[in-house]
Amino acid sequence: MEKMNNGKIVITGMGAVTPIGIGVEEYWKALVEGKTGVAEIDRFDTTNLPVKIAAMVKDFDAAKYMDKKIAREMEPFMQYGYVAADEALRDAGIDPSSEEPVIAPERIGIVFGSVFAGITNVAATQEGLTSGEHTKTNPRFITKIIGNIGAAQIAIAKGLHGPSYTVSTACSSGLDTVSMGAMLIKEDLADAVICVGGEAATCPLTILGLSGTHALSQRNDDPATASRPFDAGRNGFVMGEGGGAIIIEKEEIAKKRNAKIHAELAGYANSTDGFHVTSPHPEGIGAIFCMEHSLKTAGLKPEDIDYINAHGTSTPKGDVIEVKAIKTLFKDHAYKLAVSSTKGATGHLMGAGGVTETIACVKAVEEDILPPTLNQIEKDPECDLDFVPNESRKSTVNVAMCNAFGFGGQNASLIIKKYNA
């Protein structure tokens, strides 16, 4: 792969809905302060479930952020993405519906990512039909469960007419929205792209399904420390929910309209392990290839990376394999850079996680602050890198990498750089 052509791609807007805060500033402040969003599930009865904890979005009232009619037409995963996209557009200073938009609506694309889309609605509807509680579905049932309607609702509300795609590449979905957005810009199919992730899949069906693969932590008696990326006591990930959005655009367009530029999107890559439907390759070959090629698209060397926001889900196998992959690619530099997983704070936001974690990279680059890996209690000799344990710290971050790996051997990496005009 060659270095990106057609000029730089820059990040001009960000939005976030997370278990530790709604809005980018609240989310980032909570990350830096080491707050956690993991708690006991109180939305449904967990008596007969092996997992009773999750990282849920708190104090979210959709009617505060959108028209009630639109809110009724969307499932929470869409609502979270919608609110994040709205914040990102405002941050970028883009209003496609204005009489004289700064970027033509047909030149603004949207890519939406979600792993489970409307699975909670599907499960609840089927339960009602099976029990005989009702004999027909809600008229909005189909348009509330299919993933692409998340993008459609944003496009309808904002009057967008550019390319629209929905990706579902497991837990790489969020990062892949940004990669696909960058490809649209490189091919001159759009001047700007709204890259959105949305997820709200915590329900008995998904808990039982993921528990069946031994993926989830069952540390129900201590929710706050249940997500322990790279810690010796890790025993599975914690489900999370939320939304994230990033506006990327051509540098020339951003400069022409005097937009505030947060950072440069310098590189990206996607790969597959071709190995197993749930387990990553034991040597991390797909992750290595992906990180290496994201560096190549950015025209950078491994030693140029200051910080990696790791996938780091807190699973016994996955964390070790990611560390092994980092060591293989970065060699001695692996011990000089900082690596952290923000999933200790937010849980695993799945389709939204790649976007919110990219936002954490952008903020790290902007503010020269490393977000911590929470719940570093007991060192694992196989995980011996600098994980920024438990507390954030000041450090110069010129270049950051963000990783996301998912079921099916999906791998995605992005490179974020300090912006230099």
Protein backbone atom coordinates (compact mmCIF):
# COMPACT_ATOMS: atom_id res chain seq x y z
CA MET A 1 0.00 0.00 0.00
CA GLU A 2 1.21 3.49 -0.79
CA LYS A 3 1.09 6.57 1.35
CA MET A 4 -2.24 8.42 1.18
CA ASN A 5 -2.43 10.74 -1.82
CA ASN A 6 -4.75 13.63 -2.68
CA GLY A 7 -3.53 15.67 0.28
CA LYS A 8 -4.02 15.23 4.00
CA ILE A 9 -7.20 14.00 5.64
CA VAL A 10 -7.98 15.84 8.86
CA ILE A 11 -10.34 15.43 11.80
CA THR A 12 -12.53 18.48 12.39
CA GLY A 13 -15.39 17.21 14.54
CA MET A 14 -16.00 14.68 17.33
CA GLY A 15 -18.98 13.47 19.34
CA ALA A 16 -19.39 10.86 22.07
CA VAL A 17 -22.07 9.10 24.11
CA THR A 18 -20.40 6.76 26.60
CA PRO A 19 -20.95 5.00 29.94
CA ILE A 20 -18.66 7.55 31.60
CA GLY A 21 -20.06 10.68 30.03
CA ILE A 22 -22.16 12.21 27.27
CA GLY A 23 -20.20 14.65 25.11
CA VAL A 24 -16.52 14.52 24.20
CA GLU A 25 -15.32 16.78 27.00
CA GLU A 26 -17.20 14.88 29.70
CA TYR A 27 -16.01 11.55 28.27
CA TRP A 28 -12.38 12.66 28.09
CA LYS A 29 -12.44 14.24 31.56
CA ALA A 30 -13.77 11.00 33.04
CA LEU A 31 -11.10 8.97 31.22
CA VAL A 32 -8.30 11.18 32.49
CA GLU A 33 -9.69 11.11 36.03
CA GLY A 34 -9.90 7.31 36.01
CA LYS A 35 -13.65 6.95 36.39
CA THR A 36 -15.44 3.73 35.47
CA GLY A 37 -18.85 3.18 33.92
CA VAL A 38 -19.19 -0.50 34.84
CA ALA A 39 -22.01 -1.30 37.28
CA GLU A 40 -24.78 -3.78 38.02
CA ILE A 41 -27.39 -4.08 35.27
CA ASP A 42 -30.67 -2.49 36.37
CA ARG A 43 -32.65 -2.46 33.09
CA PHE A 44 -33.79 -6.07 33.23
CA ASP A 45 -33.84 -9.03 35.61
CA THR A 46 -30.44 -10.76 35.73
CA THR A 47 -31.37 -13.35 38.38
CA ASN A 48 -30.88 -16.33 36.06
CA LEU A 49 -27.99 -14.87 34.07
CA PRO A 50 -24.31 -15.71 34.64
CA VAL A 51 -23.35 -12.07 34.06
CA LYS A 52 -25.05 -9.27 35.97
CA ILE A 53 -22.79 -6.32 35.10
CA ALA A 54 -22.26 -4.02 32.13
CA ALA A 55 -21.19 -0.50 31.21
CA MET A 56 -24.43 1.26 30.31
CA VAL A 57 -25.05 4.84 29.21
CA LYS A 58 -26.54 6.73 32.15
CA ASP A 59 -28.97 9.63 32.35
CA PHE A 60 -29.68 9.56 28.62
CA ASP A 61 -32.98 11.09 27.55
CA ALA A 62 -33.26 11.02 23.77
CA ALA A 63 -35.91 13.76 23.81
CA LYS A 64 -33.27 16.20 25.11
CA TYR A 65 -31.24 15.75 21.96
CA MET A 66 -33.74 15.25 19.16
CA ASP A 67 -37.36 15.57 18.12
CA LYS A 68 -39.59 13.06 19.93
CA LYS A 69 -40.83 11.65 16.63
CA ILE A 70 -37.31 10.86 15.49
CA ALA A 71 -36.50 9.36 18.88
CA ARG A 72 -39.49 7.00 18.65
CA GLU A 73 -38.30 5.76 15.27
CA MET A 74 -34.85 4.78 16.51
CA GLU A 75 -33.46 2.05 18.73
CA PRO A 76 -30.91 3.18 21.36
CA PHE A 77 -27.94 2.13 19.21
CA MET A 78 -29.17 4.54 16.54
CA GLN A 79 -29.96 7.26 19.07
CA TYR A 80 -26.46 7.12 20.53
CA GLY A 81 -24.91 7.36 17.07
CA TYR A 82 -27.27 10.18 16.10
CA VAL A 83 -26.43 12.27 19.17
CA ALA A 84 -22.70 11.70 18.68
CA ALA A 85 -22.98 12.68 14.99
CA ASP A 86 -24.92 15.83 15.88
CA GLU A 87 -22.21 16.88 18.36
CA ALA A 88 -19.48 16.13 15.81
CA LEU A 89 -21.19 18.23 13.12
CA ARG A 90 -21.54 21.15 15.52
CA ASP A 91 -17.92 20.77 16.58
CA ALA A 92 -16.87 20.82 12.92
CA GLY A 93 -19.04 23.84 12.14
CA ILE A 94 -20.98 21.97 9.46
CA ASP A 95 -24.73 22.43 9.00
CA PRO A 96 -25.76 20.68 5.77
CA SER A 97 -29.34 21.96 6.09
CA SER A 98 -28.40 25.66 6.09
CA GLU A 99 -29.19 27.85 3.09
CA GLU A 100 -25.51 28.15 2.23
CA PRO A 101 -23.81 25.01 3.62
CA VAL A 102 -20.02 25.15 3.99
CA ILE A 103 -19.86 21.76 2.26
CA ALA A 104 -22.50 20.71 -0.27
CA PRO A 105 -24.81 17.99 1.13
CA GLU A 106 -24.06 15.72 -1.84
CA ARG A 107 -20.36 15.90 -0.94
CA ILE A 108 -20.85 14.73 2.65
CA GLY A 109 -20.78 10.97 3.16
CA ILE A 110 -21.71 8.87 6.15
CA VAL A 111 -20.45 5.49 7.32
CA PHE A 112 -22.19 3.81 10.27
CA GLY A 113 -20.78 0.86 12.20
CA SER A 114 -22.53 -1.56 14.55
CA VAL A 115 -21.95 -5.16 15.59
CA PHE A 116 -25.40 -6.20 16.79
CA ALA A 117 -27.63 -3.41 15.42
CA GLY A 118 -31.20 -3.96 16.73
CA ILE A 119 -30.71 -7.33 18.41
CA THR A 120 -32.34 -6.23 21.69
CA ASN A 121 -35.54 -5.35 19.82
CA VAL A 122 -35.43 -8.64 17.91
CA ALA A 123 -35.05 -10.62 21.15
CA ALA A 124 -37.84 -8.75 22.96
CA THR A 125 -40.22 -9.00 19.99
CA GLN A 126 -39.66 -12.71 19.55
CA GLU A 127 -40.16 -13.28 23.27
CA GLY A 128 -43.51 -11.48 23.07
CA LEU A 129 -44.63 -13.48 20.06
CA THR A 130 -43.56 -16.79 21.59
CA SER A 131 -45.30 -16.08 24.89
CA GLY A 132 -48.47 -14.95 23.16
CA GLU A 133 -48.25 -11.52 24.73
CA HIS A 134 -48.84 -10.07 21.28
CA THR A 135 -49.55 -11.42 17.81
CA LYS A 136 -47.99 -8.80 15.57
CA THR A 137 -44.92 -6.61 15.46
CA ASN A 138 -44.56 -2.88 15.79
CA PRO A 139 -44.99 -1.13 12.41
CA ARG A 140 -41.49 0.31 12.89
CA PHE A 141 -39.97 -3.08 13.76
CA ILE A 142 -37.92 -3.61 10.59
CA THR A 143 -36.66 -0.03 10.31
CA LYS A 144 -35.57 -0.11 13.95
CA ILE A 145 -33.51 -3.29 13.76
CA ILE A 146 -31.56 -3.08 10.49
CA GLY A 147 -28.17 -1.44 10.80
CA ASN A 148 -28.26 0.93 7.82
CA ILE A 149 -31.17 2.92 9.23
CA GLY A 150 -28.78 4.43 11.77
CA ALA A 151 -27.03 6.18 8.89
CA ALA A 152 -30.33 6.87 7.12
CA GLN A 153 -31.81 8.69 10.12
CA ILE A 154 -28.79 10.99 10.33
CA ALA A 155 -28.91 11.64 6.58
CA ILE A 156 -32.65 12.36 6.64
CA ALA A 157 -32.39 14.72 9.62
CA LYS A 158 -29.36 16.58 8.28
CA GLY A 159 -30.28 16.56 4.59
CA LEU A 160 -27.25 14.58 3.44
CA HIS A 161 -27.05 13.23 -0.11
CA GLY A 162 -23.52 11.82 -0.33
CA PRO A 163 -22.36 8.18 -0.14
CA SER A 164 -23.83 6.12 2.69
CA TYR A 165 -22.46 2.81 3.93
CA THR A 166 -22.97 0.59 6.94
CA VAL A 167 -20.22 -1.74 8.12
CA SER A 168 -20.40 -4.66 10.51
CA THR A 169 -16.92 -6.06 10.95
CA ALA A 170 -17.41 -7.27 14.51
CA CYS A 171 -15.48 -5.18 17.03
CA SER A 172 -13.45 -3.55 14.26
CA SER A 173 -16.60 -1.86 12.95
CA GLY A 174 -15.92 1.54 14.53
CA LEU A 175 -12.39 1.87 13.18
CA ASP A 176 -13.50 0.57 9.81
CA THR A 177 -16.03 3.41 9.50
CA VAL A 178 -13.09 5.82 9.59
CA SER A 179 -11.05 3.74 7.14
CA MET A 180 -13.95 3.55 4.70
CA GLY A 181 -14.57 7.26 5.11
CA ALA A 182 -10.94 7.94 4.25
CA MET A 183 -11.24 5.78 1.15
CA LEU A 184 -14.29 7.74 0.01
CA ILE A 185 -12.33 10.96 0.37
CA LYS A 186 -9.25 9.55 -1.38
CA GLU A 187 -11.41 8.47 -4.32
CA ASP A 188 -12.96 11.98 -4.40
CA LEU A 189 -16.43 10.59 -3.76
CA ALA A 190 -16.82 12.96 -0.81
CA ASP A 191 -15.22 16.08 0.65
CA ALA A 192 -16.17 15.12 4.20
CA VAL A 193 -17.47 11.97 5.89
CA ILE A 194 -19.30 11.44 9.17
CA CYS A 195 -17.87 8.24 10.67
CA VAL A 196 -20.28 6.88 13.29
CA GLY A 197 -20.43 3.89 15.62
CA GLY A 198 -23.49 2.91 17.64
CA GLU A 199 -24.12 -0.02 19.98
CA ALA A 200 -26.73 -0.93 22.58
CA ALA A 201 -26.84 -4.72 22.64
CA THR A 202 -26.91 -5.64 26.32
CA CYS A 203 -29.81 -8.05 26.84
CA PRO A 204 -30.25 -11.63 28.14
CA LEU A 205 -29.79 -13.09 24.65
CA THR A 206 -26.39 -11.48 24.00
CA ILE A 207 -25.21 -12.11 27.56
CA LEU A 208 -26.00 -15.80 27.25
CA GLY A 209 -24.52 -15.98 23.77
CA LEU A 210 -21.24 -14.31 24.68
CA SER A 211 -21.03 -16.21 27.96
CA GLY A 212 -21.27 -19.38 25.91
CA THR A 213 -18.02 -18.43 24.18
CA HIS A 214 -16.40 -17.70 27.58
CA ALA A 215 -15.83 -14.10 26.50
CA LEU A 216 -17.46 -12.21 29.39
CA SER A 217 -16.18 -11.47 32.87
CA GLN A 218 -18.36 -12.90 35.62
CA ARG A 219 -16.86 -10.76 38.36
CA ASN A 220 -20.38 -9.74 39.42
CA ASP A 221 -19.37 -8.98 43.01
CA ASP A 222 -16.93 -6.26 41.98
CA PRO A 223 -18.19 -4.44 38.86
CA ALA A 224 -15.77 -1.52 39.13
CA THR A 225 -12.73 -3.77 38.67
CA ALA A 226 -14.29 -6.39 36.40
CA SER A 227 -12.64 -5.05 33.24
CA ARG A 228 -8.91 -5.57 33.78
CA PRO A 229 -7.00 -5.18 30.51
CA PHE A 230 -3.53 -6.78 30.61
CA ASP A 231 -3.87 -7.61 34.33
CA ALA A 232 -3.03 -11.11 35.57
CA GLY A 233 -6.52 -11.43 37.04
CA ARG A 234 -8.46 -10.63 33.86
CA ASN A 235 -11.21 -13.11 33.08
CA GLY A 236 -13.22 -11.65 30.20
CA PHE A 237 -14.59 -8.41 28.85
CA VAL A 238 -17.49 -6.32 30.11
CA MET A 239 -20.23 -5.40 27.64
CA GLY A 240 -20.63 -1.70 27.04
CA GLU A 241 -22.85 0.56 24.97
CA GLY A 242 -22.66 4.01 23.45
CA GLY A 243 -22.00 6.03 20.33
CA GLY A 244 -19.14 7.90 18.77
CA ALA A 245 -18.69 10.09 15.71
CA ILE A 246 -15.75 11.68 13.91
CA ILE A 247 -15.85 14.12 11.01
CA ILE A 248 -12.99 13.65 8.56
CA GLU A 249 -12.46 15.91 5.57
CA LYS A 250 -9.98 17.09 2.99
CA GLU A 251 -7.43 19.43 4.50
CA GLU A 252 -7.93 21.94 1.69
CA ILE A 253 -11.66 22.11 2.43
CA ALA A 254 -11.11 22.49 6.18
CA LYS A 255 -8.56 25.27 5.67
CA LYS A 256 -10.73 27.06 3.15
CA ARG A 257 -13.59 27.28 5.63
CA ASN A 258 -11.29 28.07 8.59
CA ALA A 259 -12.32 24.97 10.50
CA LYS A 260 -10.61 24.00 13.73
CA ILE A 261 -8.48 20.96 12.92
CA HIS A 262 -8.09 18.54 15.83
CA ALA A 263 -5.58 16.17 14.24
CA GLU A 264 -4.53 14.44 11.05
CA LEU A 265 -5.76 10.99 10.06
CA ALA A 266 -2.41 9.79 8.77
CA GLY A 267 -2.97 6.10 8.06
CA TYR A 268 -5.29 3.13 8.28
CA ALA A 269 -5.46 -0.58 7.52
CA ASN A 270 -7.70 -3.62 7.75
CA SER A 271 -6.82 -7.31 7.66
CA THR A 272 -8.16 -10.72 8.55
CA ASP A 273 -6.47 -13.58 10.41
CA GLY A 274 -8.07 -16.30 8.28
CA PHE A 275 -7.74 -18.53 11.34
CA HIS A 276 -10.79 -18.96 13.63
CA VAL A 277 -14.25 -17.49 14.17
CA THR A 278 -13.63 -16.39 17.76
CA SER A 279 -9.94 -16.85 18.65
CA PRO A 280 -7.25 -14.54 17.30
CA HIS A 281 -4.26 -16.14 15.60
CA PRO A 282 -1.92 -17.26 18.43
CA GLU A 283 1.04 -15.42 16.84
CA GLY A 284 -1.04 -12.33 16.10
CA ILE A 285 -0.14 -12.41 12.40
CA GLY A 286 -3.25 -10.47 11.32
CA ALA A 287 -2.71 -7.81 13.98
CA ILE A 288 0.95 -7.44 13.01
CA PHE A 289 0.10 -7.10 9.32
CA CYS A 290 -2.61 -4.56 10.10
CA MET A 291 -0.47 -2.35 12.33
CA GLU A 292 2.42 -2.56 9.88
CA HIS A 293 0.29 -1.49 6.94
CA SER A 294 -1.33 1.36 8.83
CA LEU A 295 2.21 2.66 9.35
CA LYS A 296 2.94 2.24 5.65
CA THR A 297 -0.13 4.20 4.59
CA ALA A 298 1.01 6.94 6.96
CA GLY A 299 4.59 6.86 5.67
CA LEU A 300 5.84 6.27 9.22
CA LYS A 301 8.19 3.88 11.02
CA PRO A 302 7.39 1.91 14.20
CA GLU A 303 9.65 4.19 16.26
CA ASP A 304 7.48 7.18 15.28
CA ILE A 305 4.59 5.91 17.44
CA ASP A 306 4.35 7.46 20.91
CA TYR A 307 1.13 5.84 22.12
CA ILE A 308 -1.11 2.90 21.26
CA ASN A 309 -4.74 2.77 22.34
CA ALA A 310 -4.89 -1.02 22.40
CA HIS A 311 -7.85 -3.26 21.72
CA GLY A 312 -7.15 -4.76 25.17
CA THR A 313 -10.53 -6.23 26.05
CA SER A 314 -9.45 -8.03 29.25
CA THR A 315 -9.66 -11.56 27.84
CA PRO A 316 -6.98 -14.08 28.90
CA LYS A 317 -5.87 -14.95 25.36
CA GLY A 318 -6.57 -11.77 23.42
CA ASP A 319 -4.53 -9.41 25.59
CA VAL A 320 -1.43 -11.61 25.51
CA ILE A 321 -1.64 -12.02 21.74
CA GLU A 322 -1.95 -8.27 21.20
CA VAL A 323 1.10 -7.68 23.40
CA LYS A 324 3.01 -10.32 21.43
CA ALA A 325 2.02 -8.64 18.15
CA ILE A 326 3.16 -5.23 19.41
CA LYS A 327 6.50 -6.65 20.54
CA THR A 328 7.02 -8.45 17.22
CA LEU A 329 6.40 -5.33 15.13
CA PHE A 330 7.86 -2.63 17.36
CA LYS A 331 10.77 -4.67 18.77
CA ASP A 332 12.77 -2.60 21.32
CA HIS A 333 10.54 0.42 20.76
CA ALA A 334 7.64 -1.55 22.27
CA TYR A 335 9.19 -0.84 25.68
CA LYS A 336 9.60 2.87 24.97
CA LEU A 337 6.07 3.72 23.85
CA ALA A 338 2.96 3.85 26.02
CA VAL A 339 0.08 1.40 25.61
CA SER A 340 -3.28 1.66 27.33
CA SER A 341 -6.75 0.21 27.05
CA THR A 342 -9.60 2.54 27.91
CA LYS A 343 -11.94 -0.45 28.16
CA GLY A 344 -11.08 -0.65 31.84
CA ALA A 345 -13.20 2.50 32.15
CA THR A 346 -15.86 2.10 29.47
CA GLY A 347 -16.20 -1.64 29.05
CA HIS A 348 -16.25 -2.92 25.48
CA LEU A 349 -18.43 -0.62 23.36
CA MET A 350 -18.05 -2.96 20.37
CA GLY A 351 -19.23 -1.13 17.22
CA ALA A 352 -18.95 2.24 18.96
CA GLY A 353 -15.66 1.47 20.68
CA GLY A 354 -13.37 2.00 17.71
CA VAL A 355 -14.70 5.53 17.26
CA THR A 356 -14.68 6.56 20.93
CA GLU A 357 -11.19 5.11 21.31
CA THR A 358 -10.02 7.05 18.26
CA ILE A 359 -11.40 10.15 19.96
CA ALA A 360 -9.25 9.27 22.99
CA CYS A 361 -6.23 9.14 20.65
CA VAL A 362 -7.11 12.54 19.16
CA LYS A 363 -7.42 14.06 22.63
CA ALA A 364 -4.14 12.45 23.70
CA VAL A 365 -2.43 14.02 20.70
CA GLU A 366 -4.11 17.40 21.28
CA GLU A 367 -3.44 17.61 25.01
CA ASP A 368 -0.33 15.43 25.46
CA ILE A 369 -2.06 13.30 28.06
CA LEU A 370 -2.05 9.49 28.17
CA PRO A 371 -5.36 7.96 29.32
CA PRO A 372 -4.81 5.14 31.83
CA THR A 373 -5.48 1.42 31.85
CA LEU A 374 -7.68 0.98 34.91
CA ASN A 375 -7.57 -1.99 37.28
CA GLN A 376 -3.89 -2.80 36.90
CA ILE A 377 -3.78 -4.79 40.12
CA GLU A 378 -1.48 -7.75 39.52
CA LYS A 379 1.26 -7.81 36.89
CA ASP A 380 1.16 -10.47 34.21
CA PRO A 381 4.71 -11.46 33.16
CA GLU A 382 3.47 -11.94 29.59
CA CYS A 383 2.07 -8.40 29.55
CA ASP A 384 5.12 -6.34 30.45
CA LEU A 385 4.72 -3.10 28.49
CA ASP A 386 4.03 0.39 29.84
CA PHE A 387 0.25 0.24 30.21
CA VAL A 388 -0.10 3.64 31.94
CA PRO A 389 -1.42 1.86 35.03
CA ASN A 390 -4.42 3.30 36.87
CA GLU A 391 -3.56 7.00 36.47
CA SER A 392 -3.29 9.25 33.44
CA ARG A 393 -0.06 11.14 32.90
CA LYS A 394 1.40 13.99 30.88
CA SER A 395 3.58 12.91 27.99
CA THR A 396 4.28 14.26 24.53
CA VAL A 397 2.12 12.41 22.01
CA ASN A 398 2.90 13.35 18.43
CA VAL A 399 1.62 10.14 16.85
CA ALA A 400 -0.91 7.64 18.20
CA MET A 401 -2.14 4.30 16.93
CA CYS A 402 -5.58 2.86 17.64
CA ASN A 403 -6.24 -0.89 17.36
CA ALA A 404 -9.48 -2.86 17.13
CA PHE A 405 -9.71 -6.62 16.68
CA GLY A 406 -12.86 -8.72 16.44
CA PHE A 407 -14.49 -12.11 16.01
CA GLY A 408 -13.77 -13.72 12.68
CA GLY A 409 -10.18 -12.50 12.80
CA GLN A 410 -11.09 -8.90 11.92
CA ASN A 411 -8.29 -6.40 12.48
CA ALA A 412 -8.21 -2.62 12.07
CA SER A 413 -5.64 0.05 12.90
CA LEU A 414 -5.57 3.84 12.54
CA ILE A 415 -2.75 6.38 12.87
CA ILE A 416 -3.51 9.82 14.33
CA LYS A 417 -0.94 12.63 14.11
CA LYS A 418 -0.59 16.09 15.57
CA TYR A 419 -1.70 18.48 12.87
CA ASN A 420 0.92 20.64 11.24
CA ALA A 421 -0.36 23.03 8.57
